[in-house]
Protein backbone atom coordinates (compact mmCIF):
# COMPACT_ATOMS: atom_id res chain seq x y z
CA MET A 1 -15.91 -0.11 -0.10
CA LYS A 2 -13.82 0.40 3.02
CA LEU A 3 -10.07 0.76 2.57
CA GLN A 4 -8.75 0.64 6.10
CA GLY A 5 -5.58 -0.62 7.72
CA ILE A 6 -2.17 -1.47 6.33
CA PHE A 7 -1.55 -2.64 2.77
CA PRO A 8 1.98 -3.69 1.79
CA ALA A 9 3.01 -2.17 -1.53
CA LEU A 10 4.27 -5.53 -2.72
CA THR A 11 7.66 -6.03 -4.30
CA SER A 12 7.95 -8.26 -7.37
CA SER A 13 9.86 -11.51 -6.89
CA PHE A 14 12.53 -12.33 -9.50
CA ASP A 15 14.98 -15.18 -9.74
CA HIS A 16 18.64 -14.54 -10.50
CA GLN A 17 17.96 -14.64 -14.25
CA GLY A 18 15.43 -11.82 -13.87
CA ASN A 19 12.34 -13.98 -14.39
CA LEU A 20 9.22 -13.77 -12.23
CA TYR A 21 9.50 -16.28 -9.40
CA LYS A 22 6.10 -17.81 -8.66
CA ALA A 23 7.17 -19.92 -5.66
CA LYS A 24 8.55 -16.85 -3.88
CA VAL A 25 5.45 -14.77 -4.63
CA PHE A 26 3.43 -17.47 -2.87
CA HIS A 27 5.99 -17.73 -0.05
CA ASN A 28 5.66 -14.01 0.75
CA ILE A 29 1.88 -13.85 0.52
CA GLU A 30 1.39 -16.98 2.63
CA LYS A 31 3.54 -15.44 5.40
CA LEU A 32 1.80 -12.07 5.12
CA ASN A 33 -1.61 -13.77 5.29
CA GLN A 34 -0.84 -14.60 8.94
CA ILE A 35 -0.73 -10.89 9.86
CA ALA A 36 -3.80 -8.65 10.25
CA LEU A 37 -3.18 -6.66 7.09
CA GLY A 38 -6.01 -4.97 5.22
CA GLY A 39 -4.86 -6.50 1.95
CA TYR A 40 -2.23 -6.07 -0.73
CA ALA A 41 -1.33 -3.53 -3.40
CA VAL A 42 0.23 -5.17 -6.47
CA CYS A 43 2.24 -3.56 -9.28
CA GLY A 44 2.84 -0.16 -7.79
CA SER A 45 6.15 1.69 -7.87
CA THR A 46 7.60 -0.65 -5.21
CA GLY A 47 6.85 -3.57 -7.52
CA GLU A 48 9.29 -2.24 -10.16
CA THR A 49 6.30 -1.88 -12.46
CA PRO A 50 8.08 0.27 -15.09
CA LEU A 51 10.42 -2.71 -15.58
CA LEU A 52 7.55 -5.18 -16.13
CA SER A 53 5.66 -5.99 -19.31
CA VAL A 54 1.86 -5.87 -19.18
CA PRO A 55 1.62 -9.70 -19.35
CA GLU A 56 4.01 -9.89 -16.38
CA ARG A 57 1.90 -7.43 -14.42
CA LEU A 58 -1.20 -9.49 -15.07
CA GLN A 59 0.61 -12.68 -14.12
CA LEU A 60 1.66 -11.19 -10.79
CA MET A 61 -1.88 -10.04 -10.10
CA GLU A 62 -3.18 -13.53 -10.81
CA TRP A 63 -0.63 -15.19 -8.52
CA VAL A 64 -1.22 -12.76 -5.65
CA ARG A 65 -4.97 -13.28 -5.95
CA GLU A 66 -4.51 -17.04 -5.86
CA ALA A 67 -2.25 -16.90 -2.80
CA SER A 68 -4.24 -14.33 -0.80
CA ALA A 69 -6.32 -15.33 2.19
CA GLU A 70 -10.05 -14.82 2.20
CA GLY A 71 -11.08 -11.31 3.22
CA LYS A 72 -7.99 -9.46 1.99
CA THR A 73 -8.71 -6.38 -0.12
CA LEU A 74 -6.71 -6.47 -3.34
CA ILE A 75 -5.57 -3.31 -5.08
CA ALA A 76 -4.15 -3.54 -8.59
CA GLY A 77 -1.67 -1.00 -9.92
CA VAL A 78 -3.09 -0.36 -13.37
CA GLY A 79 -1.50 2.94 -14.37
CA ALA A 80 -0.36 3.51 -17.94
CA GLU A 81 0.09 6.65 -19.98
CA SER A 82 -3.06 6.11 -22.04
CA VAL A 83 -6.62 5.74 -20.84
CA GLN A 84 -7.11 2.77 -23.15
CA GLU A 85 -4.28 0.67 -21.70
CA THR A 86 -5.09 1.65 -18.13
CA VAL A 87 -8.71 0.55 -18.55
CA CYS A 88 -7.62 -2.68 -20.20
CA ILE A 89 -5.38 -3.58 -17.24
CA ALA A 90 -8.04 -2.52 -14.73
CA ASN A 91 -10.69 -4.70 -16.31
CA ARG A 92 -8.38 -7.70 -16.42
CA ALA A 93 -7.70 -7.14 -12.73
CA ALA A 94 -11.45 -7.09 -12.18
CA GLU A 95 -11.70 -10.48 -13.88
CA PHE A 96 -9.09 -11.84 -11.47
CA GLY A 97 -11.17 -10.67 -8.50
CA TYR A 98 -9.41 -7.43 -7.53
CA HIS A 99 -11.38 -4.87 -5.60
CA ALA A 100 -9.85 -1.55 -6.66
CA ALA A 101 -7.64 -0.12 -9.40
CA LEU A 102 -4.76 2.19 -8.45
CA ALA A 103 -4.07 4.53 -11.39
CA LEU A 104 -0.86 6.56 -11.48
CA THR A 105 -1.08 10.11 -12.78
CA PRO A 106 0.22 10.14 -16.38
CA PHE A 107 3.39 12.18 -16.75
CA TYR A 108 5.49 11.37 -19.83
CA TYR A 109 4.32 14.24 -22.06
CA ARG A 110 4.84 16.80 -19.34
CA ASN A 111 3.73 19.91 -21.21
CA GLN A 112 0.34 18.30 -21.86
CA MET A 113 0.04 15.96 -18.90
CA HIS A 114 1.03 18.40 -16.15
CA ARG A 115 -2.28 20.21 -16.44
CA PRO A 116 -5.27 19.93 -14.11
CA ASP A 117 -7.75 19.54 -16.96
CA THR A 118 -5.77 16.68 -18.52
CA GLN A 119 -5.43 14.86 -15.21
CA ALA A 120 -9.12 15.28 -14.43
CA LEU A 121 -10.09 13.96 -17.87
CA TYR A 122 -7.75 10.97 -17.48
CA PHE A 123 -9.26 9.84 -14.19
CA ARG A 124 -12.85 10.52 -15.20
CA ALA A 125 -12.40 8.52 -18.41
CA ILE A 126 -10.87 5.59 -16.53
CA ALA A 127 -13.56 5.64 -13.86
CA ASP A 128 -16.29 5.71 -16.52
CA ARG A 129 -14.95 2.49 -18.06
CA SER A 130 -13.40 0.55 -15.19
CA LYS A 131 -15.32 -2.43 -13.85
CA ILE A 132 -13.83 -1.85 -10.37
CA PRO A 133 -13.52 1.31 -8.27
CA VAL A 134 -10.58 3.61 -8.99
CA LEU A 135 -7.97 5.11 -6.69
CA ILE A 136 -5.91 8.14 -7.70
CA TYR A 137 -2.18 7.52 -7.20
CA ASN A 138 -0.24 10.70 -6.44
CA ILE A 139 3.55 10.29 -6.17
CA PRO A 140 5.22 13.50 -7.33
CA GLN A 141 8.69 12.14 -6.50
CA VAL A 142 8.26 9.87 -9.55
CA THR A 143 5.97 11.82 -11.85
CA GLY A 144 7.10 15.37 -11.15
CA TYR A 145 3.44 16.33 -10.76
CA ASP A 146 1.39 16.92 -7.61
CA VAL A 147 -2.33 16.59 -8.38
CA PRO A 148 -3.96 19.83 -7.15
CA VAL A 149 -6.23 19.51 -4.15
CA ASP A 150 -9.15 21.10 -6.00
CA VAL A 151 -8.82 18.49 -8.78
CA VAL A 152 -8.90 15.67 -6.22
CA ALA A 153 -11.94 17.29 -4.60
CA GLU A 154 -13.72 17.48 -7.97
CA LEU A 155 -12.85 13.87 -8.85
CA SER A 156 -14.01 12.64 -5.45
CA HIS A 157 -17.60 13.20 -6.58
CA HIS A 158 -17.31 10.65 -9.40
CA PRO A 159 -19.23 7.57 -8.23
CA ASN A 160 -16.46 5.18 -9.32
CA ILE A 161 -13.51 7.11 -7.81
CA VAL A 162 -13.42 6.00 -4.20
CA GLY A 163 -10.13 7.34 -2.88
CA MET A 164 -6.48 8.07 -3.43
CA LYS A 165 -3.03 7.00 -2.37
CA ASP A 166 -0.87 10.01 -1.59
CA SER A 167 2.84 9.22 -1.43
CA SER A 168 4.00 12.82 -1.34
CA GLY A 169 4.69 12.66 2.40
CA ASN A 170 3.23 16.16 2.64
CA LEU A 171 1.06 16.15 5.75
CA GLU A 172 -0.36 19.62 5.12
CA ARG A 173 -1.54 18.42 1.71
CA ILE A 174 -3.16 15.30 3.19
CA LYS A 175 -4.98 17.49 5.70
CA GLU A 176 -6.24 19.74 2.88
CA VAL A 177 -7.35 16.77 0.75
CA CYS A 178 -9.19 15.12 3.64
CA GLY A 179 -11.02 18.38 4.27
CA ALA A 180 -11.89 19.04 0.63
CA VAL A 181 -13.22 15.70 -0.65
CA ARG A 182 -16.73 14.36 -0.36
CA PRO A 183 -17.64 12.30 2.73
CA GLY A 184 -16.66 8.66 2.24
CA PHE A 185 -13.76 9.38 -0.10
CA GLN A 186 -10.77 7.58 1.41
CA VAL A 187 -7.20 8.85 1.53
CA LEU A 188 -4.40 6.33 2.01
CA SER A 189 -0.91 7.43 2.99
CA GLY A 190 2.01 6.10 0.97
CA SER A 191 4.74 7.37 3.28
CA GLY A 192 6.25 5.00 5.82
CA LEU A 193 7.96 7.93 7.54
CA ASN A 194 4.85 9.76 8.74
CA PHE A 195 1.80 7.61 8.12
CA PRO A 196 0.68 7.72 11.80
CA GLN A 197 0.40 11.51 11.52
CA ALA A 198 -1.53 11.06 8.26
CA LEU A 199 -3.96 8.77 10.09
CA GLN A 200 -4.49 11.47 12.71
CA LEU A 201 -5.27 13.96 9.93
CA GLY A 202 -7.97 11.77 8.43
CA ALA A 203 -6.27 9.08 6.30
CA SER A 204 -8.11 5.75 6.47
CA GLY A 205 -5.00 3.59 6.12
CA ALA A 206 -1.67 3.27 4.38
CA ILE A 207 -0.10 1.50 1.40
CA LEU A 208 3.52 1.07 2.46
CA ALA A 209 6.75 -0.27 1.00
CA ILE A 210 8.21 -0.69 4.50
CA ALA A 211 5.35 -3.10 5.32
CA ASN A 212 7.12 -5.72 3.18
CA PRO A 213 9.96 -6.36 5.68
CA LEU A 214 8.13 -4.94 8.73
CA PRO A 215 4.44 -5.83 8.38
CA TYR A 216 3.94 -6.58 12.07
CA ALA A 217 5.37 -3.23 13.16
CA CYS A 218 3.15 -1.34 10.71
CA VAL A 219 0.03 -3.22 11.79
CA THR A 220 0.93 -2.62 15.45
CA ILE A 221 1.01 1.12 14.77
CA TRP A 222 -2.37 0.90 13.03
CA GLU A 223 -3.94 -1.05 15.88
CA ALA A 224 -2.48 1.31 18.49
CA PHE A 225 -3.86 4.27 16.54
CA ARG A 226 -7.24 2.62 16.27
CA THR A 227 -7.39 1.97 20.03
CA ARG A 228 -6.00 5.43 20.84
CA GLU A 229 -2.80 4.21 22.45
CA GLN A 230 -0.65 7.12 21.40
CA GLU A 231 2.37 6.07 23.45
CA ALA A 232 2.52 2.77 21.56
CA VAL A 233 2.09 4.58 18.23
CA ASP A 234 5.02 6.87 19.00
CA ASP A 235 7.18 4.02 20.29
CA TRP A 236 6.79 1.85 17.20
CA GLN A 237 7.06 4.77 14.82
CA ASN A 238 10.35 5.75 16.44
CA ARG A 239 11.58 2.19 15.91
CA ILE A 240 10.78 1.95 12.21
CA THR A 241 11.61 5.52 11.15
CA PRO A 242 15.44 5.14 10.95
CA PRO A 243 15.37 2.01 8.74
CA GLY A 244 12.45 3.43 6.77
CA ARG A 245 14.35 6.63 6.08
CA LEU A 246 17.48 4.68 5.09
CA ILE A 247 15.51 2.71 2.52
CA ALA A 248 13.42 5.63 1.26
CA THR A 249 16.24 8.13 0.82
CA LYS A 250 19.35 6.04 0.17
CA TYR A 251 18.91 2.45 -0.96
CA GLY A 252 15.47 2.28 -2.56
CA ILE A 253 13.93 -0.96 -3.81
CA PRO A 254 17.21 -2.99 -3.84
CA GLY A 255 17.74 -2.10 -0.19
CA LEU A 256 14.11 -2.84 0.66
CA LYS A 257 14.44 -6.28 -0.91
CA TYR A 258 17.56 -7.01 1.10
CA ALA A 259 15.71 -6.02 4.28
CA MET A 260 13.00 -8.53 3.33
CA ASP A 261 15.64 -11.24 2.99
CA LEU A 262 16.84 -10.40 6.50
CA ASN A 263 13.34 -10.78 7.95
CA GLY A 264 12.33 -14.11 6.47
CA TYR A 265 10.59 -12.86 3.34
CA TYR A 266 11.91 -13.22 -0.18
CA GLY A 267 13.25 -9.96 -1.54
CA GLY A 268 15.72 -11.38 -4.00
CA PRO A 269 17.45 -9.38 -6.70
CA PRO A 270 16.02 -6.26 -8.27
CA ARG A 271 15.47 -6.30 -12.01
CA LEU A 272 18.22 -4.75 -14.09
CA PRO A 273 19.23 -1.98 -14.48
CA LEU A 274 18.60 -1.59 -10.72
CA ILE A 275 21.75 -2.63 -8.87
CA PRO A 276 21.80 -4.95 -5.81
CA PRO A 277 23.21 -3.36 -2.65
CA SER A 278 26.95 -3.53 -2.05
CA ALA A 279 28.53 -5.29 0.93
CA GLU A 280 28.81 -1.92 2.70
CA ALA A 281 25.16 -1.13 2.00
CA LYS A 282 24.09 -4.54 3.28
CA ALA A 283 25.98 -3.97 6.52
CA GLU A 284 24.26 -0.62 7.01
CA ILE A 285 20.83 -2.11 6.31
CA GLU A 286 21.52 -4.99 8.70
CA ALA A 287 22.41 -2.55 11.47
CA ALA A 288 19.29 -0.44 10.82
CA PHE A 289 16.94 -3.42 10.95
CA GLU A 290 18.59 -5.06 13.96
CA GLY A 291 15.94 -5.85 16.56
CA LEU A 292 13.06 -5.46 14.08
CA LYS A 293 12.54 -9.05 13.02
CA SER A 294 8.96 -9.86 12.05
């Protein structure tokens, strides 16, 4: 399995009553299908997954699969606190036709979960039972836990663990991971602020929230990297960094969704208790994304 290129970390579409909005899921995917994306990641942190029930997660996976163009690689966010539930979601995703399962590091029982042996056991147990290949999902901003590099290196030798998404934004860590894992193990950056540097350090691609409103810009960076046009990489990265930082550090998913609305995609409202951006926030987002229409 090759996981290369840009994968939007898809948002979840809700109507104004907070229900999943099928028509808008299809609207977004059909527009994104026209861009040279590697595929789509569904039900990650950008998808407001903690605010979704398991049946809703499975419904979204099914809709995205139905709407996706041929040849797109589909990654299902399957993480749950228990091995049993994670495997159940992963195997349902396999039935839908997904290609990989993205499993978040468990974190709720911190005294027990924030241990290398527990994390290693969790991923080995999932990989043993999952019908599709597994990706480790490391996002310490959410979980409070950074999977140690030596644990990732050990897990990389499991035949059904094919890579990881690292959203830490720590370039030194990505460099260490890329140097420590077995050949063929693929590292995907989850940071829209420095993913070109991660590519230079050995990452094979990126799963990005900012690719929802700015898919063309992200793909342009990928293509420029691939063809070794560093000037174009730097130019486009300089363009998307200010709005990317504004979303990542200040306005989060509600702001990201508003940026999608500005660029012809459906962002729509976040699910409560997340709060839609204020008029002042909208004005700031509009200014940041000016000139970056897809």
